[in-house]
């Protein structure tokens, strides 16, 4: 089994979207970007993926500039190419063309020395869905508290 180290998890995506399917994608990075990612200086909270020109691109992800580097640093919010098989790209492009579906990054991790992104096919939650999720979570917490008190 290949060791993997989770760098960041997009908890906002699980709150704002129903995740229908997820898959693993590689990311094309520069040297200073992978060093910043390994240092944990990355944010995928507002990021999304979109097909352009037959390829899949990650937008709005922020990889902080590498501090030990001088003037050859990367652009923190540049679009980054996602590495997938052609069949997977075509399938995801077809799914995203449907009404209401989008591609959101769920988790960024290092696996076998390379950066990987868990990408989710998602449908946006309505306001009542979010309220229902919050209410369910609160009742589960109350039940756990009651069980701890009784034991």
C-alpha atoms as a PDB file:
ATOM      1  CA  UNK A   1       0.000   0.000   0.000  1.00  0.00           C
ATOM      2  CA  UNK A   2       1.274   3.446  -0.941  1.00  0.00           C
ATOM      3  CA  UNK A   3       1.515   5.916   1.923  1.00  0.00           C
ATOM      4  CA  UNK A   4      -0.587   9.043   1.544  1.00  0.00           C
ATOM      5  CA  UNK A   5      -0.561  12.245   3.552  1.00  0.00           C
ATOM      6  CA  UNK A   6      -3.647  14.456   3.528  1.00  0.00           C
ATOM      7  CA  UNK A   7      -2.731  18.105   3.035  1.00  0.00           C
ATOM      8  CA  UNK A   8      -6.170  19.750   3.058  1.00  0.00           C
ATOM      9  CA  UNK A   9      -9.863  18.793   2.989  1.00  0.00           C
ATOM     10  CA  UNK A  10     -12.568  20.999   1.496  1.00  0.00           C
ATOM     11  CA  UNK A  11     -15.194  20.759   4.244  1.00  0.00           C
ATOM     12  CA  UNK A  12     -17.221  23.562   2.660  1.00  0.00           C
ATOM     13  CA  UNK A  13     -17.843  21.348  -0.381  1.00  0.00           C
ATOM     14  CA  UNK A  14     -19.518  18.688   1.775  1.00  0.00           C
ATOM     15  CA  UNK A  15     -21.710  21.403   3.315  1.00  0.00           C
ATOM     16  CA  UNK A  16     -22.710  23.142   0.074  1.00  0.00           C
ATOM     17  CA  UNK A  17     -23.030  20.173  -2.309  1.00  0.00           C
ATOM     18  CA  UNK A  18     -24.421  16.653  -2.616  1.00  0.00           C
ATOM     19  CA  UNK A  19     -21.396  14.616  -3.753  1.00  0.00           C
ATOM     20  CA  UNK A  20     -22.610  12.135  -6.377  1.00  0.00           C
ATOM     21  CA  UNK A  21     -19.292  10.595  -7.392  1.00  0.00           C
ATOM     22  CA  UNK A  22     -15.592  11.119  -6.687  1.00  0.00           C
ATOM     23  CA  UNK A  23     -12.334  10.245  -8.427  1.00  0.00           C
ATOM     24  CA  UNK A  24      -8.600  10.827  -8.102  1.00  0.00           C
ATOM     25  CA  UNK A  25      -6.749  13.226 -10.413  1.00  0.00           C
ATOM     26  CA  UNK A  26      -3.130  14.275 -10.668  1.00  0.00           C
ATOM     27  CA  UNK A  27      -2.131  17.951 -10.842  1.00  0.00           C
ATOM     28  CA  UNK A  28       0.494  19.521 -13.121  1.00  0.00           C
ATOM     29  CA  UNK A  29       2.627  21.644 -10.752  1.00  0.00           C
ATOM     30  CA  UNK A  30       5.872  23.599 -10.805  1.00  0.00           C
ATOM     31  CA  UNK A  31       8.709  22.936  -8.352  1.00  0.00           C
ATOM     32  CA  UNK A  32       7.875  25.793  -5.988  1.00  0.00           C
ATOM     33  CA  UNK A  33       4.180  24.809  -5.975  1.00  0.00           C
ATOM     34  CA  UNK A  34       4.809  21.251  -4.783  1.00  0.00           C
ATOM     35  CA  UNK A  35       7.117  22.573  -2.058  1.00  0.00           C
ATOM     36  CA  UNK A  36       4.400  24.954  -0.833  1.00  0.00           C
ATOM     37  CA  UNK A  37       1.807  22.172  -0.953  1.00  0.00           C
ATOM     38  CA  UNK A  38       4.022  19.847   1.082  1.00  0.00           C
ATOM     39  CA  UNK A  39       4.365  22.673   3.620  1.00  0.00           C
ATOM     40  CA  UNK A  40       0.532  22.820   3.808  1.00  0.00           C
ATOM     41  CA  UNK A  41       0.271  26.335   2.334  1.00  0.00           C
ATOM     42  CA  UNK A  42      -2.663  25.624   0.006  1.00  0.00           C
ATOM     43  CA  UNK A  43      -6.372  26.517  -0.028  1.00  0.00           C
ATOM     44  CA  UNK A  44      -8.979  24.715  -2.166  1.00  0.00           C
ATOM     45  CA  UNK A  45     -12.046  26.073  -0.378  1.00  0.00           C
ATOM     46  CA  UNK A  46     -13.408  28.172  -3.282  1.00  0.00           C
ATOM     47  CA  UNK A  47     -11.819  26.112  -6.061  1.00  0.00           C
ATOM     48  CA  UNK A  48     -13.653  24.370  -8.876  1.00  0.00           C
ATOM     49  CA  UNK A  49     -12.735  22.372 -11.983  1.00  0.00           C
ATOM     50  CA  UNK A  50     -13.945  23.113 -15.483  1.00  0.00           C
ATOM     51  CA  UNK A  51     -13.281  21.508 -18.884  1.00  0.00           C
ATOM     52  CA  UNK A  52     -11.583  23.786 -21.434  1.00  0.00           C
ATOM     53  CA  UNK A  53     -10.113  22.787 -24.765  1.00  0.00           C
ATOM     54  CA  UNK A  54     -10.507  19.056 -24.165  1.00  0.00           C
ATOM     55  CA  UNK A  55      -8.641  19.265 -20.845  1.00  0.00           C
ATOM     56  CA  UNK A  56      -9.711  19.667 -17.226  1.00  0.00           C
ATOM     57  CA  UNK A  57      -8.470  22.741 -15.312  1.00  0.00           C
ATOM     58  CA  UNK A  58      -8.569  23.668 -11.624  1.00  0.00           C
ATOM     59  CA  UNK A  59      -9.493  27.314 -10.965  1.00  0.00           C
ATOM     60  CA  UNK A  60      -9.429  29.507  -7.805  1.00  0.00           C
ATOM     61  CA  UNK A  61      -7.076  27.240  -5.871  1.00  0.00           C
ATOM     62  CA  UNK A  62      -4.506  29.218  -3.899  1.00  0.00           C
ATOM     63  CA  UNK A  63      -1.003  27.813  -3.467  1.00  0.00           C
ATOM     64  CA  UNK A  64       1.027  30.322  -1.460  1.00  0.00           C
ATOM     65  CA  UNK A  65       4.337  31.521  -2.832  1.00  0.00           C
ATOM     66  CA  UNK A  66       7.297  29.453  -1.651  1.00  0.00           C
ATOM     67  CA  UNK A  67       9.146  31.584   0.887  1.00  0.00           C
ATOM     68  CA  UNK A  68      12.650  30.175   0.323  1.00  0.00           C
ATOM     69  CA  UNK A  69      12.499  31.127  -3.362  1.00  0.00           C
ATOM     70  CA  UNK A  70      13.271  34.542  -4.851  1.00  0.00           C
ATOM     71  CA  UNK A  71      12.052  35.957  -8.166  1.00  0.00           C
ATOM     72  CA  UNK A  72      11.369  32.592  -9.873  1.00  0.00           C
ATOM     73  CA  UNK A  73       8.226  31.937  -7.845  1.00  0.00           C
ATOM     74  CA  UNK A  74       4.863  30.776  -9.211  1.00  0.00           C
ATOM     75  CA  UNK A  75       1.604  32.717  -9.535  1.00  0.00           C
ATOM     76  CA  UNK A  76      -0.475  31.766  -6.423  1.00  0.00           C
ATOM     77  CA  UNK A  77      -3.887  31.520  -8.143  1.00  0.00           C
ATOM     78  CA  UNK A  78      -2.999  30.357 -11.629  1.00  0.00           C
ATOM     79  CA  UNK A  79      -5.181  27.711 -13.320  1.00  0.00           C
ATOM     80  CA  UNK A  80      -3.681  24.246 -12.896  1.00  0.00           C
ATOM     81  CA  UNK A  81      -4.117  21.368 -15.313  1.00  0.00           C
ATOM     82  CA  UNK A  82      -5.660  18.183 -13.916  1.00  0.00           C
ATOM     83  CA  UNK A  83      -4.199  14.931 -15.164  1.00  0.00           C
ATOM     84  CA  UNK A  84      -6.787  12.301 -16.107  1.00  0.00           C
ATOM     85  CA  UNK A  85      -7.304   9.730 -18.831  1.00  0.00           C
ATOM     86  CA  UNK A  86      -9.114  10.937 -21.974  1.00  0.00           C
ATOM     87  CA  UNK A  87     -12.063   8.637 -21.235  1.00  0.00           C
ATOM     88  CA  UNK A  88     -12.425  10.140 -17.729  1.00  0.00           C
ATOM     89  CA  UNK A  89     -12.249  13.709 -19.070  1.00  0.00           C
ATOM     90  CA  UNK A  90     -14.932  12.972 -21.680  1.00  0.00           C
ATOM     91  CA  UNK A  91     -17.178  11.353 -19.057  1.00  0.00           C
ATOM     92  CA  UNK A  92     -16.792  14.270 -16.626  1.00  0.00           C
ATOM     93  CA  UNK A  93     -17.368  16.822 -19.399  1.00  0.00           C
ATOM     94  CA  UNK A  94     -20.634  15.062 -20.250  1.00  0.00           C
ATOM     95  CA  UNK A  95     -21.721  15.073 -16.598  1.00  0.00           C
ATOM     96  CA  UNK A  96     -20.908  18.761 -16.094  1.00  0.00           C
ATOM     97  CA  UNK A  97     -22.886  19.729 -19.196  1.00  0.00           C
ATOM     98  CA  UNK A  98     -25.999  18.482 -17.375  1.00  0.00           C
ATOM     99  CA  UNK A  99     -27.941  21.122 -15.515  1.00  0.00           C
ATOM    100  CA  UNK A 100     -26.795  21.779 -11.966  1.00  0.00           C
ATOM    101  CA  UNK A 101     -23.682  19.581 -11.831  1.00  0.00           C
ATOM    102  CA  UNK A 102     -20.205  20.898 -11.080  1.00  0.00           C
ATOM    103  CA  UNK A 103     -16.735  19.570 -10.281  1.00  0.00           C
ATOM    104  CA  UNK A 104     -15.389  20.492  -6.843  1.00  0.00           C
ATOM    105  CA  UNK A 105     -12.110  19.483  -5.206  1.00  0.00           C
ATOM    106  CA  UNK A 106     -12.737  17.485  -2.033  1.00  0.00           C
ATOM    107  CA  UNK A 107      -9.261  16.643  -0.769  1.00  0.00           C
ATOM    108  CA  UNK A 108      -5.638  17.340  -1.671  1.00  0.00           C
ATOM    109  CA  UNK A 109      -3.043  14.781  -0.620  1.00  0.00           C
ATOM    110  CA  UNK A 110       0.436  13.466  -1.378  1.00  0.00           C
ATOM    111  CA  UNK A 111       0.460   9.846  -2.567  1.00  0.00           C
ATOM    112  CA  UNK A 112       3.674   8.106  -3.453  1.00  0.00           C
ATOM    113  CA  UNK A 113       5.528  11.425  -3.703  1.00  0.00           C
ATOM    114  CA  UNK A 114       3.054  13.078  -6.088  1.00  0.00           C
ATOM    115  CA  UNK A 115       0.207  15.490  -5.384  1.00  0.00           C
ATOM    116  CA  UNK A 116      -3.268  14.092  -5.983  1.00  0.00           C
ATOM    117  CA  UNK A 117      -6.669  15.762  -5.874  1.00  0.00           C
ATOM    118  CA  UNK A 118      -9.895  13.991  -5.010  1.00  0.00           C
ATOM    119  CA  UNK A 119     -12.444  15.519  -7.360  1.00  0.00           C
ATOM    120  CA  UNK A 120     -16.180  15.249  -6.765  1.00  0.00           C
ATOM    121  CA  UNK A 121     -19.096  15.486  -9.168  1.00  0.00           C
ATOM    122  CA  UNK A 122     -21.552  17.522  -7.155  1.00  0.00           C
ATOM    123  CA  UNK A 123     -25.022  19.048  -7.228  1.00  0.00           C
ATOM    124  CA  UNK A 124     -25.650  22.181  -5.178  1.00  0.00           C
ATOM    125  CA  UNK A 125     -27.740  21.891  -2.031  1.00  0.00           C
ATOM    126  CA  UNK A 126     -30.787  24.047  -1.523  1.00  0.00           C
ATOM    127  CA  UNK A 127     -31.151  26.097   1.654  1.00  0.00           C
ATOM    128  CA  UNK A 128     -33.614  23.627   3.225  1.00  0.00           C
ATOM    129  CA  UNK A 129     -31.166  20.774   2.542  1.00  0.00           C
ATOM    130  CA  UNK A 130     -28.443  22.620   4.439  1.00  0.00           C
ATOM    131  CA  UNK A 131     -30.819  23.270   7.349  1.00  0.00           C
ATOM    132  CA  UNK A 132     -31.811  19.599   7.388  1.00  0.00           C
ATOM    133  CA  UNK A 133     -28.139  18.531   7.502  1.00  0.00           C
ATOM    134  CA  UNK A 134     -27.408  20.909  10.376  1.00  0.00           C
ATOM    135  CA  UNK A 135     -30.477  19.734  12.314  1.00  0.00           C
ATOM    136  CA  UNK A 136     -29.513  16.067  11.822  1.00  0.00           C
ATOM    137  CA  UNK A 137     -25.966  16.755  13.043  1.00  0.00           C
ATOM    138  CA  UNK A 138     -27.240  18.574  16.141  1.00  0.00           C
ATOM    139  CA  UNK A 139     -29.611  15.746  17.084  1.00  0.00           C
ATOM    140  CA  UNK A 140     -26.791  13.205  16.699  1.00  0.00           C
ATOM    141  CA  UNK A 141     -24.623  15.305  19.041  1.00  0.00           C
ATOM    142  CA  UNK A 142     -27.426  15.530  21.604  1.00  0.00           C
ATOM    143  CA  UNK A 143     -27.908  11.754  21.499  1.00  0.00           C
ATOM    144  CA  UNK A 144     -24.162  11.200  22.037  1.00  0.00           C
ATOM    145  CA  UNK A 145     -24.146  13.620  24.967  1.00  0.00           C
ATOM    146  CA  UNK A 146     -27.132  11.857  26.536  1.00  0.00           C
ATOM    147  CA  UNK A 147     -25.453   8.460  26.152  1.00  0.00           C
ATOM    148  CA  UNK A 148     -22.254   9.752  27.751  1.00  0.00           C
ATOM    149  CA  UNK A 149     -24.214  11.205  30.703  1.00  0.00           C
ATOM    150  CA  UNK A 150     -26.100   7.971  31.299  1.00  0.00           C
ATOM    151  CA  UNK A 151     -23.073   5.699  31.231  1.00  0.00           C
END
